[in-house]
Amino acid sequence: MNQRINLPQELAIGLALAYSGVPLAADTSHGELQTLAAALFAVVPPAALSQTDRAELAALTPLALRNGVIVSSLPGCETAMHPEVTLEDLNGDGSPEVFVVAGNTCTSGMTGSSVWLFAKRLDGRWSPRLDVMAAAYRVLPTTTQGWHDLAVGGRGLCQGVWRLAADGAYGYARSIRPDGTPCPSQ
């Protein structure tokens, strides 16, 4: 029987850091970023993302680690967040794209969370592809330019369909109900 154990966030992050294999940096300019990366990607298997990828992705997020707690890096919005990180191969190239869902009402309005998507560019660097206030996302079976479309949901019944645009970022296309039918306004 599987049992879920709920630990206080500080203890969970401390354990993640202890078992992450990431040495605490002697160079303090990178130490905070490394500990944020270890905490943010604690549930991601070590083979799925390199330590370099983790650090680069952590630097792209609007998150920080303060007193062992992941918070927003926006001044005045430093309340605790509980980010969820998932890896999805949206373009079928065998390499994962990275979703981060986190937020609070200060950073993400009444929805209380945002969805960020990061993908590697051709030069091997990570770049943001989606930054939207939303509670959740799901990958749709349809594709645009070889990338799966996304359904992004907030507080209402309808979900926004986001498609890859010519500039490489996801853009809003239309709204659908959870069953895939158009919303009444469309």
N, C-alpha and C. Protein backbone atom coordinates (compact mmCIF):
# COMPACT_ATOMS: atom_id res chain seq x y z
N MET A 1 0.84 -1.17 0.00
CA MET A 1 0.00 0.00 0.00
C MET A 1 0.88 1.23 0.00
N ASN A 2 0.62 2.14 -0.91
CA ASN A 2 1.37 3.39 -0.97
C ASN A 2 0.77 4.40 -0.02
N GLN A 3 1.64 5.05 0.72
CA GLN A 3 1.20 6.12 1.59
C GLN A 3 1.97 7.37 1.25
N ARG A 4 1.27 8.45 1.20
CA ARG A 4 1.91 9.74 0.94
C ARG A 4 2.26 10.37 2.27
N ILE A 5 3.50 10.78 2.40
CA ILE A 5 3.96 11.43 3.61
C ILE A 5 4.10 12.91 3.33
N ASN A 6 3.40 13.72 4.09
CA ASN A 6 3.49 15.17 3.93
C ASN A 6 4.49 15.72 4.93
N LEU A 7 5.55 16.30 4.41
CA LEU A 7 6.57 16.91 5.24
C LEU A 7 6.45 18.42 5.13
N PRO A 8 6.82 19.13 6.18
CA PRO A 8 6.89 20.59 6.02
C PRO A 8 7.82 20.93 4.87
N GLN A 9 7.53 22.02 4.13
CA GLN A 9 8.31 22.34 2.94
C GLN A 9 9.79 22.49 3.26
N GLU A 10 10.13 23.11 4.39
CA GLU A 10 11.53 23.30 4.73
C GLU A 10 12.26 21.98 4.89
N LEU A 11 11.61 20.98 5.54
CA LEU A 11 12.22 19.68 5.72
C LEU A 11 12.34 18.96 4.39
N ALA A 12 11.30 19.02 3.56
CA ALA A 12 11.34 18.37 2.26
C ALA A 12 12.47 18.94 1.40
N ILE A 13 12.63 20.26 1.39
CA ILE A 13 13.70 20.88 0.61
C ILE A 13 15.05 20.50 1.19
N GLY A 14 15.16 20.49 2.51
CA GLY A 14 16.42 20.09 3.15
C GLY A 14 16.81 18.68 2.77
N LEU A 15 15.85 17.76 2.78
CA LEU A 15 16.14 16.38 2.38
C LEU A 15 16.50 16.31 0.90
N ALA A 16 15.78 17.07 0.07
CA ALA A 16 16.09 17.08 -1.36
C ALA A 16 17.50 17.57 -1.60
N LEU A 17 17.90 18.61 -0.89
CA LEU A 17 19.26 19.14 -1.05
C LEU A 17 20.29 18.13 -0.57
N ALA A 18 20.00 17.46 0.54
CA ALA A 18 20.95 16.50 1.09
C ALA A 18 21.18 15.33 0.15
N TYR A 19 20.12 14.89 -0.54
CA TYR A 19 20.22 13.73 -1.42
C TYR A 19 20.39 14.08 -2.89
N SER A 20 20.48 15.36 -3.22
CA SER A 20 20.56 15.76 -4.62
C SER A 20 21.93 15.53 -5.24
N GLY A 21 22.94 15.44 -4.41
CA GLY A 21 24.28 15.30 -4.94
C GLY A 21 24.88 16.61 -5.38
N VAL A 22 24.17 17.71 -5.20
CA VAL A 22 24.69 19.02 -5.58
C VAL A 22 25.50 19.55 -4.41
N PRO A 23 26.81 19.71 -4.58
CA PRO A 23 27.60 20.26 -3.48
C PRO A 23 27.25 21.71 -3.25
N LEU A 24 27.18 22.11 -2.01
CA LEU A 24 26.96 23.52 -1.74
C LEU A 24 28.20 24.26 -2.19
N ALA A 25 28.00 25.23 -3.02
CA ALA A 25 29.11 25.91 -3.68
C ALA A 25 29.93 26.75 -2.72
N ALA A 26 31.24 26.70 -2.90
CA ALA A 26 32.12 27.59 -2.15
C ALA A 26 32.01 28.99 -2.72
N ASP A 27 31.69 29.06 -4.01
CA ASP A 27 31.47 30.35 -4.67
C ASP A 27 30.05 30.79 -4.35
N THR A 28 29.90 31.76 -3.48
CA THR A 28 28.58 32.16 -3.01
C THR A 28 27.73 32.80 -4.10
N SER A 29 28.33 33.24 -5.20
CA SER A 29 27.52 33.82 -6.26
C SER A 29 26.66 32.77 -6.95
N HIS A 30 27.07 31.51 -6.89
CA HIS A 30 26.29 30.44 -7.51
C HIS A 30 25.60 29.56 -6.49
N GLY A 31 25.94 29.69 -5.23
CA GLY A 31 25.39 28.82 -4.19
C GLY A 31 23.89 28.91 -4.08
N GLU A 32 23.33 30.12 -4.08
CA GLU A 32 21.89 30.28 -3.95
C GLU A 32 21.18 29.69 -5.16
N LEU A 33 21.73 29.90 -6.36
CA LEU A 33 21.12 29.36 -7.56
C LEU A 33 21.16 27.83 -7.55
N GLN A 34 22.27 27.26 -7.10
CA GLN A 34 22.37 25.80 -7.04
C GLN A 34 21.38 25.22 -6.05
N THR A 35 21.21 25.85 -4.89
CA THR A 35 20.27 25.32 -3.91
C THR A 35 18.84 25.51 -4.40
N LEU A 36 18.52 26.61 -5.08
CA LEU A 36 17.20 26.77 -5.68
C LEU A 36 16.97 25.68 -6.71
N ALA A 37 17.93 25.43 -7.56
CA ALA A 37 17.79 24.40 -8.59
C ALA A 37 17.58 23.03 -7.95
N ALA A 38 18.32 22.72 -6.90
CA ALA A 38 18.16 21.43 -6.22
C ALA A 38 16.77 21.31 -5.62
N ALA A 39 16.29 22.38 -5.01
CA ALA A 39 14.95 22.35 -4.39
C ALA A 39 13.86 22.29 -5.45
N LEU A 40 13.98 23.08 -6.51
CA LEU A 40 12.97 23.15 -7.55
C LEU A 40 12.83 21.83 -8.29
N PHE A 41 13.95 21.17 -8.55
CA PHE A 41 13.95 19.94 -9.34
C PHE A 41 14.17 18.69 -8.50
N ALA A 42 13.83 18.76 -7.23
CA ALA A 42 14.05 17.63 -6.30
C ALA A 42 13.35 16.36 -6.75
N VAL A 43 12.18 16.46 -7.37
CA VAL A 43 11.44 15.27 -7.78
C VAL A 43 11.80 14.80 -9.19
N VAL A 44 12.66 15.53 -9.88
CA VAL A 44 13.07 15.16 -11.23
C VAL A 44 14.27 14.21 -11.13
N PRO A 45 14.18 13.03 -11.75
CA PRO A 45 15.30 12.09 -11.68
C PRO A 45 16.61 12.72 -12.18
N PRO A 46 17.73 12.40 -11.54
CA PRO A 46 19.01 13.01 -11.91
C PRO A 46 19.37 12.86 -13.39
N ALA A 47 19.01 11.74 -14.00
CA ALA A 47 19.37 11.52 -15.41
C ALA A 47 18.51 12.35 -16.37
N ALA A 48 17.38 12.88 -15.91
CA ALA A 48 16.47 13.60 -16.79
C ALA A 48 16.98 14.99 -17.15
N LEU A 49 17.69 15.65 -16.23
CA LEU A 49 18.23 16.99 -16.47
C LEU A 49 19.60 17.09 -15.83
N SER A 50 20.56 17.63 -16.57
CA SER A 50 21.90 17.81 -16.01
C SER A 50 21.88 18.91 -14.94
N GLN A 51 22.90 18.95 -14.12
CA GLN A 51 23.01 20.01 -13.12
C GLN A 51 23.10 21.38 -13.78
N THR A 52 23.76 21.45 -14.93
CA THR A 52 23.85 22.70 -15.67
C THR A 52 22.47 23.14 -16.15
N ASP A 53 21.70 22.19 -16.70
CA ASP A 53 20.34 22.50 -17.14
C ASP A 53 19.49 22.98 -15.97
N ARG A 54 19.59 22.31 -14.84
CA ARG A 54 18.80 22.68 -13.66
C ARG A 54 19.12 24.11 -13.22
N ALA A 55 20.40 24.44 -13.19
CA ALA A 55 20.80 25.79 -12.77
C ALA A 55 20.33 26.84 -13.77
N GLU A 56 20.46 26.54 -15.07
CA GLU A 56 20.02 27.50 -16.08
C GLU A 56 18.51 27.71 -16.02
N LEU A 57 17.75 26.63 -15.85
CA LEU A 57 16.30 26.73 -15.74
C LEU A 57 15.89 27.50 -14.48
N ALA A 58 16.53 27.22 -13.37
CA ALA A 58 16.21 27.92 -12.12
C ALA A 58 16.43 29.42 -12.29
N ALA A 59 17.47 29.80 -13.02
CA ALA A 59 17.76 31.22 -13.24
C ALA A 59 16.69 31.88 -14.12
N LEU A 60 16.02 31.12 -14.96
CA LEU A 60 14.99 31.67 -15.84
C LEU A 60 13.65 31.85 -15.13
N THR A 61 13.45 31.17 -14.02
CA THR A 61 12.17 31.28 -13.31
C THR A 61 12.16 32.53 -12.43
N PRO A 62 10.98 33.04 -12.13
CA PRO A 62 10.87 34.18 -11.20
C PRO A 62 10.77 33.69 -9.76
N LEU A 63 11.63 32.71 -9.41
CA LEU A 63 11.59 32.10 -8.09
C LEU A 63 12.91 32.32 -7.36
N ALA A 64 12.84 32.21 -6.04
CA ALA A 64 14.03 32.33 -5.20
C ALA A 64 13.87 31.36 -4.03
N LEU A 65 14.96 31.09 -3.35
CA LEU A 65 14.92 30.25 -2.15
C LEU A 65 15.30 31.12 -0.97
N ARG A 66 14.38 31.28 -0.04
CA ARG A 66 14.61 32.10 1.14
C ARG A 66 14.34 31.27 2.38
N ASN A 67 15.34 31.11 3.23
CA ASN A 67 15.19 30.34 4.47
C ASN A 67 14.63 28.95 4.21
N GLY A 68 15.08 28.31 3.14
CA GLY A 68 14.64 26.96 2.82
C GLY A 68 13.28 26.85 2.18
N VAL A 69 12.68 27.98 1.79
CA VAL A 69 11.34 27.98 1.20
C VAL A 69 11.41 28.62 -0.19
N ILE A 70 10.76 28.00 -1.16
CA ILE A 70 10.69 28.59 -2.50
C ILE A 70 9.65 29.69 -2.48
N VAL A 71 10.06 30.88 -2.93
CA VAL A 71 9.21 32.06 -2.94
C VAL A 71 9.36 32.76 -4.29
N SER A 72 8.52 33.75 -4.53
CA SER A 72 8.66 34.58 -5.72
C SER A 72 9.87 35.48 -5.54
N SER A 73 10.54 35.78 -6.62
CA SER A 73 11.67 36.72 -6.57
C SER A 73 11.19 38.16 -6.75
N LEU A 74 9.89 38.36 -6.97
CA LEU A 74 9.35 39.71 -7.13
C LEU A 74 9.25 40.39 -5.77
N PRO A 75 9.80 41.59 -5.62
CA PRO A 75 9.72 42.29 -4.34
C PRO A 75 8.27 42.46 -3.89
N GLY A 76 8.02 42.16 -2.64
CA GLY A 76 6.68 42.27 -2.07
C GLY A 76 5.80 41.06 -2.28
N CYS A 77 6.28 40.08 -3.04
CA CYS A 77 5.48 38.87 -3.33
C CYS A 77 6.15 37.61 -2.80
N GLU A 78 6.97 37.74 -1.80
CA GLU A 78 7.81 36.64 -1.34
C GLU A 78 7.11 35.62 -0.45
N THR A 79 5.84 35.34 -0.69
CA THR A 79 5.17 34.31 0.09
C THR A 79 5.52 32.94 -0.48
N ALA A 80 5.38 31.93 0.36
CA ALA A 80 5.76 30.57 -0.01
C ALA A 80 4.99 30.08 -1.23
N MET A 81 5.71 29.36 -2.08
CA MET A 81 5.11 28.72 -3.25
C MET A 81 5.45 27.23 -3.19
N HIS A 82 4.65 26.44 -3.84
CA HIS A 82 4.88 25.01 -3.88
C HIS A 82 4.91 24.58 -5.34
N PRO A 83 6.03 24.83 -6.03
CA PRO A 83 6.08 24.58 -7.47
C PRO A 83 5.96 23.09 -7.81
N GLU A 84 5.32 22.86 -8.94
CA GLU A 84 5.25 21.52 -9.51
C GLU A 84 6.01 21.57 -10.83
N VAL A 85 6.94 20.64 -11.00
CA VAL A 85 7.75 20.57 -12.20
C VAL A 85 7.44 19.27 -12.92
N THR A 86 7.17 19.36 -14.22
CA THR A 86 6.98 18.17 -15.03
C THR A 86 7.77 18.32 -16.32
N LEU A 87 8.18 17.19 -16.85
CA LEU A 87 8.91 17.14 -18.11
C LEU A 87 8.01 16.50 -19.16
N GLU A 88 7.93 17.11 -20.32
CA GLU A 88 7.12 16.60 -21.42
C GLU A 88 7.91 16.81 -22.71
N ASP A 89 7.87 15.82 -23.59
CA ASP A 89 8.48 15.98 -24.91
C ASP A 89 7.39 16.45 -25.86
N LEU A 90 7.32 17.75 -26.06
CA LEU A 90 6.24 18.33 -26.86
C LEU A 90 6.47 18.26 -28.35
N ASN A 91 7.71 18.09 -28.78
CA ASN A 91 7.99 18.11 -30.22
C ASN A 91 8.54 16.79 -30.75
N GLY A 92 8.56 15.75 -29.90
CA GLY A 92 8.97 14.43 -30.35
C GLY A 92 10.44 14.27 -30.67
N ASP A 93 11.28 15.16 -30.16
CA ASP A 93 12.71 15.06 -30.45
C ASP A 93 13.48 14.21 -29.45
N GLY A 94 12.79 13.66 -28.45
CA GLY A 94 13.44 12.83 -27.44
C GLY A 94 14.02 13.60 -26.27
N SER A 95 13.98 14.91 -26.32
CA SER A 95 14.47 15.75 -25.23
C SER A 95 13.27 16.42 -24.56
N PRO A 96 13.30 16.50 -23.24
CA PRO A 96 12.13 17.06 -22.56
C PRO A 96 12.08 18.58 -22.59
N GLU A 97 10.84 19.08 -22.61
CA GLU A 97 10.57 20.47 -22.30
C GLU A 97 10.15 20.48 -20.83
N VAL A 98 10.30 21.62 -20.17
CA VAL A 98 10.08 21.68 -18.72
C VAL A 98 8.94 22.64 -18.40
N PHE A 99 7.94 22.12 -17.70
CA PHE A 99 6.84 22.93 -17.19
C PHE A 99 7.06 23.19 -15.70
N VAL A 100 6.82 24.42 -15.28
CA VAL A 100 6.82 24.77 -13.86
C VAL A 100 5.48 25.47 -13.60
N VAL A 101 4.75 24.95 -12.62
CA VAL A 101 3.48 25.55 -12.21
C VAL A 101 3.68 26.01 -10.77
N ALA A 102 3.54 27.31 -10.55
CA ALA A 102 3.71 27.87 -9.20
C ALA A 102 3.12 29.26 -9.19
N GLY A 103 3.01 29.82 -8.02
CA GLY A 103 2.54 31.19 -7.94
C GLY A 103 1.82 31.46 -6.64
N ASN A 104 1.31 32.66 -6.55
CA ASN A 104 0.47 33.10 -5.45
C ASN A 104 -0.39 34.24 -5.98
N THR A 105 -1.27 34.77 -5.20
CA THR A 105 -2.16 35.81 -5.71
C THR A 105 -1.41 37.10 -6.03
N CYS A 106 -0.27 37.30 -5.42
CA CYS A 106 0.53 38.49 -5.71
C CYS A 106 1.14 38.41 -7.11
N THR A 107 1.63 37.23 -7.48
CA THR A 107 2.29 37.07 -8.77
C THR A 107 1.35 36.65 -9.89
N SER A 108 0.26 35.99 -9.53
CA SER A 108 -0.58 35.35 -10.54
C SER A 108 -2.06 35.71 -10.44
N GLY A 109 -2.37 36.80 -9.76
CA GLY A 109 -3.76 37.24 -9.67
C GLY A 109 -4.65 36.25 -8.95
N MET A 110 -5.94 36.34 -9.22
CA MET A 110 -6.90 35.48 -8.53
C MET A 110 -6.74 34.01 -8.85
N THR A 111 -6.11 33.69 -9.98
CA THR A 111 -5.86 32.29 -10.31
C THR A 111 -4.92 31.68 -9.28
N GLY A 112 -3.97 32.45 -8.80
CA GLY A 112 -3.07 31.99 -7.74
C GLY A 112 -1.89 31.18 -8.21
N SER A 113 -1.78 30.94 -9.51
CA SER A 113 -0.61 30.23 -10.03
C SER A 113 -0.38 30.60 -11.48
N SER A 114 0.81 30.30 -11.93
CA SER A 114 1.19 30.54 -13.32
C SER A 114 1.81 29.28 -13.88
N VAL A 115 1.78 29.16 -15.20
CA VAL A 115 2.41 28.05 -15.90
C VAL A 115 3.54 28.63 -16.75
N TRP A 116 4.73 28.11 -16.52
CA TRP A 116 5.89 28.49 -17.32
C TRP A 116 6.37 27.27 -18.06
N LEU A 117 6.72 27.44 -19.33
CA LEU A 117 7.26 26.37 -20.16
C LEU A 117 8.61 26.80 -20.68
N PHE A 118 9.58 25.92 -20.57
CA PHE A 118 10.93 26.19 -21.05
C PHE A 118 11.35 25.07 -22.01
N ALA A 119 12.05 25.46 -23.09
CA ALA A 119 12.53 24.49 -24.06
C ALA A 119 13.94 24.89 -24.49
N LYS A 120 14.70 23.90 -24.93
CA LYS A 120 16.05 24.18 -25.42
C LYS A 120 15.99 24.74 -26.82
N ARG A 121 16.84 25.73 -27.06
CA ARG A 121 17.00 26.29 -28.41
C ARG A 121 17.99 25.43 -29.17
N LEU A 122 18.20 25.73 -30.42
CA LEU A 122 19.16 24.98 -31.23
C LEU A 122 20.58 25.10 -30.70
N ASP A 123 20.89 26.23 -30.04
CA ASP A 123 22.24 26.41 -29.49
C ASP A 123 22.43 25.71 -28.15
N GLY A 124 21.41 24.98 -27.68
CA GLY A 124 21.53 24.23 -26.44
C GLY A 124 21.15 25.00 -25.18
N ARG A 125 20.84 26.27 -25.32
CA ARG A 125 20.42 27.09 -24.16
C ARG A 125 18.91 26.97 -23.99
N TRP A 126 18.46 27.15 -22.75
CA TRP A 126 17.03 27.12 -22.45
C TRP A 126 16.41 28.49 -22.68
N SER A 127 15.14 28.48 -23.12
CA SER A 127 14.43 29.74 -23.29
C SER A 127 12.97 29.54 -22.89
N PRO A 128 12.33 30.61 -22.41
CA PRO A 128 10.91 30.51 -22.07
C PRO A 128 10.06 30.43 -23.33
N ARG A 129 9.03 29.58 -23.29
CA ARG A 129 8.11 29.44 -24.42
C ARG A 129 6.68 29.82 -24.03
N LEU A 130 6.38 29.81 -22.72
CA LEU A 130 5.04 30.14 -22.25
C LEU A 130 5.15 30.71 -20.84
N ASP A 131 4.42 31.77 -20.58
CA ASP A 131 4.34 32.39 -19.25
C ASP A 131 2.93 32.94 -19.13
N VAL A 132 2.06 32.20 -18.46
CA VAL A 132 0.66 32.58 -18.39
C VAL A 132 0.09 32.28 -17.00
N MET A 133 -0.77 33.18 -16.52
CA MET A 133 -1.46 32.93 -15.26
C MET A 133 -2.49 31.84 -15.50
N ALA A 134 -2.32 30.71 -14.83
CA ALA A 134 -3.22 29.57 -15.01
C ALA A 134 -3.03 28.58 -13.87
N ALA A 135 -4.06 27.81 -13.62
CA ALA A 135 -4.00 26.82 -12.55
C ALA A 135 -3.38 25.51 -13.02
N ALA A 136 -3.53 25.19 -14.29
CA ALA A 136 -3.05 23.90 -14.78
C ALA A 136 -2.94 23.93 -16.30
N TYR A 137 -2.34 22.89 -16.84
CA TYR A 137 -2.22 22.74 -18.29
C TYR A 137 -2.42 21.27 -18.62
N ARG A 138 -2.71 21.01 -19.88
CA ARG A 138 -2.67 19.63 -20.37
C ARG A 138 -2.20 19.67 -21.82
N VAL A 139 -1.50 18.63 -22.20
CA VAL A 139 -0.98 18.52 -23.56
C VAL A 139 -2.08 17.93 -24.43
N LEU A 140 -2.36 18.60 -25.52
CA LEU A 140 -3.40 18.15 -26.45
C LEU A 140 -2.80 17.26 -27.54
N PRO A 141 -3.60 16.40 -28.16
CA PRO A 141 -3.08 15.54 -29.22
C PRO A 141 -2.79 16.29 -30.52
N THR A 142 -3.37 17.49 -30.69
CA THR A 142 -3.15 18.27 -31.90
C THR A 142 -1.78 18.94 -31.84
N THR A 143 -1.24 19.24 -33.01
CA THR A 143 0.08 19.88 -33.08
C THR A 143 0.04 21.08 -34.01
N THR A 144 0.98 21.98 -33.79
CA THR A 144 1.20 23.13 -34.65
C THR A 144 2.71 23.23 -34.84
N GLN A 145 3.15 23.23 -36.08
CA GLN A 145 4.58 23.30 -36.40
C GLN A 145 5.37 22.19 -35.69
N GLY A 146 4.74 21.02 -35.53
CA GLY A 146 5.41 19.87 -34.92
C GLY A 146 5.43 19.86 -33.39
N TRP A 147 4.82 20.85 -32.76
CA TRP A 147 4.76 20.93 -31.30
C TRP A 147 3.31 20.74 -30.86
N HIS A 148 3.12 19.97 -29.79
CA HIS A 148 1.78 19.76 -29.27
C HIS A 148 1.16 21.06 -28.80
N ASP A 149 -0.13 21.22 -29.08
CA ASP A 149 -0.89 22.35 -28.56
C ASP A 149 -1.15 22.09 -27.08
N LEU A 150 -1.44 23.15 -26.34
CA LEU A 150 -1.66 23.06 -24.90
C LEU A 150 -3.02 23.63 -24.55
N ALA A 151 -3.71 23.00 -23.61
CA ALA A 151 -4.93 23.56 -23.02
C ALA A 151 -4.51 24.09 -21.66
N VAL A 152 -4.75 25.37 -21.44
CA VAL A 152 -4.33 26.02 -20.20
C VAL A 152 -5.58 26.53 -19.50
N GLY A 153 -5.79 26.09 -18.26
CA GLY A 153 -7.00 26.42 -17.54
C GLY A 153 -6.77 27.32 -16.35
N GLY A 154 -7.75 28.13 -16.09
CA GLY A 154 -7.71 29.03 -14.94
C GLY A 154 -8.89 28.77 -14.03
N ARG A 155 -9.58 29.83 -13.65
CA ARG A 155 -10.68 29.71 -12.70
C ARG A 155 -12.01 29.36 -13.35
N GLY A 156 -12.15 29.55 -14.63
CA GLY A 156 -13.43 29.32 -15.30
C GLY A 156 -13.53 27.93 -15.90
N LEU A 157 -14.66 27.68 -16.54
CA LEU A 157 -14.92 26.39 -17.17
C LEU A 157 -14.10 26.21 -18.44
N CYS A 158 -13.95 27.26 -19.21
CA CYS A 158 -13.23 27.17 -20.48
C CYS A 158 -11.72 27.19 -20.27
N GLN A 159 -11.03 26.57 -21.23
CA GLN A 159 -9.58 26.52 -21.21
C GLN A 159 -9.05 27.17 -22.49
N GLY A 160 -7.96 27.89 -22.35
CA GLY A 160 -7.34 28.47 -23.53
C GLY A 160 -6.50 27.44 -24.25
N VAL A 161 -6.60 27.43 -25.57
CA VAL A 161 -5.72 26.59 -26.39
C VAL A 161 -4.57 27.47 -26.83
N TRP A 162 -3.37 27.02 -26.54
CA TRP A 162 -2.16 27.76 -26.90
C TRP A 162 -1.39 26.93 -27.91
N ARG A 163 -0.92 27.62 -28.97
CA ARG A 163 -0.20 26.96 -30.05
C ARG A 163 1.14 27.63 -30.27
N LEU A 164 2.09 26.86 -30.77
CA LEU A 164 3.41 27.42 -31.07
C LEU A 164 3.28 28.43 -32.20
N ALA A 165 3.82 29.61 -31.98
CA ALA A 165 3.79 30.68 -32.99
C ALA A 165 5.11 30.70 -33.75
N ALA A 166 5.16 31.50 -34.78
CA ALA A 166 6.36 31.58 -35.63
C ALA A 166 7.59 32.04 -34.87
N ASP A 167 7.40 32.80 -33.78
CA ASP A 167 8.55 33.29 -33.01
C ASP A 167 9.08 32.25 -32.00
N GLY A 168 8.48 31.05 -31.96
CA GLY A 168 8.94 29.99 -31.07
C GLY A 168 8.29 30.00 -29.70
N ALA A 169 7.42 30.97 -29.43
CA ALA A 169 6.70 31.02 -28.16
C ALA A 169 5.27 30.53 -28.39
N TYR A 170 4.63 30.08 -27.33
CA TYR A 170 3.24 29.69 -27.43
C TYR A 170 2.35 30.92 -27.35
N GLY A 171 1.32 30.96 -28.17
CA GLY A 171 0.37 32.06 -28.17
C GLY A 171 -1.05 31.54 -28.10
N TYR A 172 -1.92 32.36 -27.53
CA TYR A 172 -3.33 31.99 -27.38
C TYR A 172 -3.97 31.87 -28.76
N ALA A 173 -4.77 30.80 -28.96
CA ALA A 173 -5.45 30.59 -30.23
C ALA A 173 -6.97 30.68 -30.09
N ARG A 174 -7.53 30.02 -29.07
CA ARG A 174 -8.98 30.01 -28.88
C ARG A 174 -9.28 29.37 -27.53
N SER A 175 -10.56 29.33 -27.16
CA SER A 175 -10.97 28.70 -25.90
C SER A 175 -11.86 27.50 -26.18
N ILE A 176 -11.71 26.48 -25.34
CA ILE A 176 -12.52 25.26 -25.46
C ILE A 176 -13.01 24.84 -24.07
N ARG A 177 -14.04 24.04 -24.06
CA ARG A 177 -14.50 23.38 -22.84
C ARG A 177 -13.59 22.18 -22.59
N PRO A 178 -13.61 21.62 -21.39
CA PRO A 178 -12.77 20.44 -21.12
C PRO A 178 -13.01 19.27 -22.07
N ASP A 179 -14.22 19.16 -22.65
CA ASP A 179 -14.50 18.07 -23.60
C ASP A 179 -14.04 18.39 -25.03
N GLY A 180 -13.46 19.59 -25.23
CA GLY A 180 -12.92 19.95 -26.52
C GLY A 180 -13.85 20.76 -27.40
N THR A 181 -15.10 20.93 -27.00
CA THR A 181 -16.05 21.72 -27.78
C THR A 181 -15.79 23.21 -27.56
N PRO A 182 -16.17 24.05 -28.53
CA PRO A 182 -15.93 25.49 -28.37
C PRO A 182 -16.71 26.07 -27.18
N CYS A 183 -16.18 27.10 -26.62
CA CYS A 183 -16.87 27.83 -25.54
C CYS A 183 -18.00 28.64 -26.16
N PRO A 184 -19.03 28.94 -25.37
CA PRO A 184 -20.21 29.65 -25.91
C PRO A 184 -19.88 30.97 -26.61
N SER A 185 -18.85 31.66 -26.20
CA SER A 185 -18.54 32.96 -26.81
C SER A 185 -17.83 32.83 -28.15
N GLN A 186 -17.52 31.61 -28.55
CA GLN A 186 -16.77 31.46 -29.80
C GLN A 186 -17.57 30.80 -30.87
